[in-house]
């Protein structure tokens, strides 16, 4: 994995961790107060998926 991808991997994991910490676990997960954190977690997860897809595509093009 290239350094560029590793930076974004750490960034997305930190975003997920911070938003999980910020969630109000006493109220409903999809309540109005928690919705912004849920959307942020979802976008970070989508970013992680795209990160691994891009890393896989970059490895396909490299000849050994």
N, C-alpha and C. Protein backbone atom coordinates (compact mmCIF):
# COMPACT_ATOMS: atom_id res chain seq x y z
N UNK A 1 0.85 -1.17 0.00
CA UNK A 1 0.00 0.00 0.00
C UNK A 1 0.90 1.23 0.00
N UNK A 2 0.59 2.16 -0.87
CA UNK A 2 1.39 3.37 -0.99
C UNK A 2 1.16 4.29 0.20
N UNK A 3 2.10 5.19 0.41
CA UNK A 3 2.00 6.14 1.53
C UNK A 3 0.75 7.01 1.40
N UNK A 4 0.41 7.36 0.16
CA UNK A 4 -0.78 8.17 -0.09
C UNK A 4 -2.04 7.48 0.44
N UNK A 5 -2.15 6.19 0.19
CA UNK A 5 -3.32 5.42 0.64
C UNK A 5 -3.29 5.23 2.16
N UNK A 6 -2.10 5.08 2.72
CA UNK A 6 -2.00 4.90 4.17
C UNK A 6 -2.45 6.14 4.93
N UNK A 7 -2.15 7.31 4.38
CA UNK A 7 -2.59 8.56 5.02
C UNK A 7 -4.10 8.62 5.07
N UNK A 8 -4.74 8.31 3.96
CA UNK A 8 -6.21 8.35 3.95
C UNK A 8 -6.81 7.22 4.78
N UNK A 9 -6.15 6.09 4.87
CA UNK A 9 -6.63 5.01 5.72
C UNK A 9 -6.67 5.46 7.18
N UNK A 10 -5.60 6.08 7.63
CA UNK A 10 -5.57 6.58 9.01
C UNK A 10 -6.61 7.67 9.21
N UNK A 11 -6.76 8.55 8.23
CA UNK A 11 -7.73 9.64 8.33
C UNK A 11 -9.15 9.11 8.44
N UNK A 12 -9.51 8.15 7.62
CA UNK A 12 -10.87 7.59 7.68
C UNK A 12 -11.11 6.84 8.99
N UNK A 13 -10.13 6.12 9.47
CA UNK A 13 -10.30 5.39 10.74
C UNK A 13 -10.46 6.38 11.89
N UNK A 14 -9.72 7.47 11.87
CA UNK A 14 -9.87 8.50 12.92
C UNK A 14 -11.25 9.13 12.85
N UNK A 15 -11.74 9.42 11.64
CA UNK A 15 -13.09 9.99 11.49
C UNK A 15 -14.14 9.05 12.08
N UNK A 16 -14.02 7.76 11.79
CA UNK A 16 -14.98 6.80 12.31
C UNK A 16 -14.92 6.74 13.84
N UNK A 17 -13.71 6.73 14.37
CA UNK A 17 -13.56 6.64 15.83
C UNK A 17 -14.12 7.87 16.53
N UNK A 18 -13.84 9.05 16.00
CA UNK A 18 -14.33 10.28 16.62
C UNK A 18 -15.85 10.34 16.58
N UNK A 19 -16.43 9.95 15.46
CA UNK A 19 -17.89 10.00 15.35
C UNK A 19 -18.57 8.92 16.19
N UNK A 20 -17.95 7.77 16.34
CA UNK A 20 -18.51 6.77 17.24
C UNK A 20 -18.48 7.26 18.68
N UNK A 21 -17.42 7.99 19.03
CA UNK A 21 -17.33 8.55 20.38
C UNK A 21 -18.37 9.65 20.59
N UNK A 22 -18.67 10.40 19.54
CA UNK A 22 -19.59 11.53 19.67
C UNK A 22 -21.06 11.13 19.66
N UNK A 23 -21.36 9.90 19.25
CA UNK A 23 -22.76 9.46 19.23
C UNK A 23 -23.35 9.44 20.64
N UNK A 24 -24.60 9.83 20.72
CA UNK A 24 -25.33 9.73 21.98
C UNK A 24 -25.99 8.35 22.02
N UNK A 25 -25.40 7.46 22.80
CA UNK A 25 -25.86 6.07 22.82
C UNK A 25 -27.14 5.90 23.62
N UNK A 26 -27.55 6.91 24.38
CA UNK A 26 -28.77 6.81 25.17
C UNK A 26 -30.02 7.02 24.31
N UNK A 27 -29.86 7.81 23.25
CA UNK A 27 -31.00 8.03 22.37
C UNK A 27 -30.91 7.10 21.16
N UNK A 28 -31.90 7.19 20.32
CA UNK A 28 -31.97 6.33 19.14
C UNK A 28 -30.84 6.68 18.17
N UNK A 29 -30.31 5.69 17.47
CA UNK A 29 -29.16 5.91 16.58
C UNK A 29 -29.54 6.85 15.44
N UNK A 30 -30.72 6.73 14.89
CA UNK A 30 -31.14 7.58 13.78
C UNK A 30 -31.96 8.80 14.23
N UNK A 31 -31.75 9.23 15.47
CA UNK A 31 -32.44 10.44 15.92
C UNK A 31 -31.80 11.65 15.25
N UNK A 32 -32.48 12.77 15.37
CA UNK A 32 -32.02 13.99 14.70
C UNK A 32 -30.64 14.44 15.19
N UNK A 33 -30.37 14.24 16.48
CA UNK A 33 -29.08 14.65 17.04
C UNK A 33 -27.93 13.76 16.55
N UNK A 34 -28.20 12.50 16.35
CA UNK A 34 -27.15 11.55 15.95
C UNK A 34 -27.00 11.42 14.44
N UNK A 35 -27.92 11.97 13.68
CA UNK A 35 -27.93 11.73 12.25
C UNK A 35 -26.68 12.28 11.55
N UNK A 36 -26.17 13.42 12.00
CA UNK A 36 -24.98 13.97 11.36
C UNK A 36 -23.76 13.08 11.61
N UNK A 37 -23.70 12.44 12.77
CA UNK A 37 -22.60 11.53 13.06
C UNK A 37 -22.73 10.23 12.27
N UNK A 38 -23.95 9.76 12.10
CA UNK A 38 -24.19 8.54 11.33
C UNK A 38 -23.82 8.76 9.87
N UNK A 39 -24.19 9.92 9.31
CA UNK A 39 -23.82 10.22 7.93
C UNK A 39 -22.30 10.33 7.77
N UNK A 40 -21.64 10.90 8.75
CA UNK A 40 -20.20 11.03 8.70
C UNK A 40 -19.51 9.66 8.77
N UNK A 41 -20.04 8.79 9.63
CA UNK A 41 -19.50 7.42 9.71
C UNK A 41 -19.73 6.69 8.40
N UNK A 42 -20.91 6.84 7.83
CA UNK A 42 -21.22 6.16 6.56
C UNK A 42 -20.31 6.66 5.44
N UNK A 43 -20.05 7.95 5.39
CA UNK A 43 -19.17 8.46 4.34
C UNK A 43 -17.73 8.00 4.55
N UNK A 44 -17.29 7.87 5.80
CA UNK A 44 -15.95 7.36 6.06
C UNK A 44 -15.83 5.89 5.68
N UNK A 45 -16.88 5.12 5.90
CA UNK A 45 -16.87 3.70 5.50
C UNK A 45 -16.84 3.59 3.98
N UNK A 46 -17.61 4.43 3.29
CA UNK A 46 -17.57 4.44 1.83
C UNK A 46 -16.17 4.83 1.35
N UNK A 47 -15.55 5.79 2.03
CA UNK A 47 -14.19 6.18 1.70
C UNK A 47 -13.21 5.04 1.88
N UNK A 48 -13.38 4.25 2.94
CA UNK A 48 -12.52 3.08 3.15
C UNK A 48 -12.67 2.05 2.04
N UNK A 49 -13.90 1.82 1.64
CA UNK A 49 -14.15 0.86 0.56
C UNK A 49 -13.49 1.35 -0.73
N UNK A 50 -13.68 2.62 -1.05
CA UNK A 50 -13.07 3.17 -2.26
C UNK A 50 -11.55 3.16 -2.17
N UNK A 51 -11.02 3.37 -1.00
CA UNK A 51 -9.57 3.33 -0.80
C UNK A 51 -9.01 1.95 -1.14
N UNK A 52 -9.66 0.90 -0.66
CA UNK A 52 -9.20 -0.44 -0.95
C UNK A 52 -9.41 -0.81 -2.43
N UNK A 53 -10.46 -0.29 -3.04
CA UNK A 53 -10.67 -0.53 -4.48
C UNK A 53 -9.56 0.15 -5.29
N UNK A 54 -9.25 1.39 -4.96
CA UNK A 54 -8.19 2.10 -5.68
C UNK A 54 -6.84 1.44 -5.46
N UNK A 55 -6.57 0.97 -4.27
CA UNK A 55 -5.31 0.28 -4.00
C UNK A 55 -5.22 -1.02 -4.81
N UNK A 56 -6.32 -1.73 -4.89
CA UNK A 56 -6.33 -2.98 -5.67
C UNK A 56 -6.12 -2.68 -7.15
N UNK A 57 -6.77 -1.63 -7.66
CA UNK A 57 -6.58 -1.26 -9.07
C UNK A 57 -5.14 -0.85 -9.35
N UNK A 58 -4.51 -0.17 -8.41
CA UNK A 58 -3.13 0.25 -8.64
C UNK A 58 -2.19 -0.96 -8.65
N UNK A 59 -2.51 -1.99 -7.90
CA UNK A 59 -1.68 -3.21 -7.89
C UNK A 59 -1.87 -4.04 -9.14
N UNK A 60 -3.02 -3.98 -9.75
CA UNK A 60 -3.30 -4.76 -10.96
C UNK A 60 -2.39 -4.28 -12.11
N UNK A 61 -2.20 -2.99 -12.20
CA UNK A 61 -1.43 -2.43 -13.30
C UNK A 61 0.08 -2.63 -13.17
N UNK A 62 0.58 -2.97 -11.99
CA UNK A 62 2.02 -3.12 -11.76
C UNK A 62 2.44 -4.52 -12.18
N UNK A 63 3.47 -4.56 -13.04
CA UNK A 63 3.99 -5.87 -13.47
C UNK A 63 5.13 -6.27 -12.56
N UNK A 64 5.19 -7.54 -12.26
CA UNK A 64 6.25 -8.04 -11.36
C UNK A 64 7.47 -8.45 -12.14
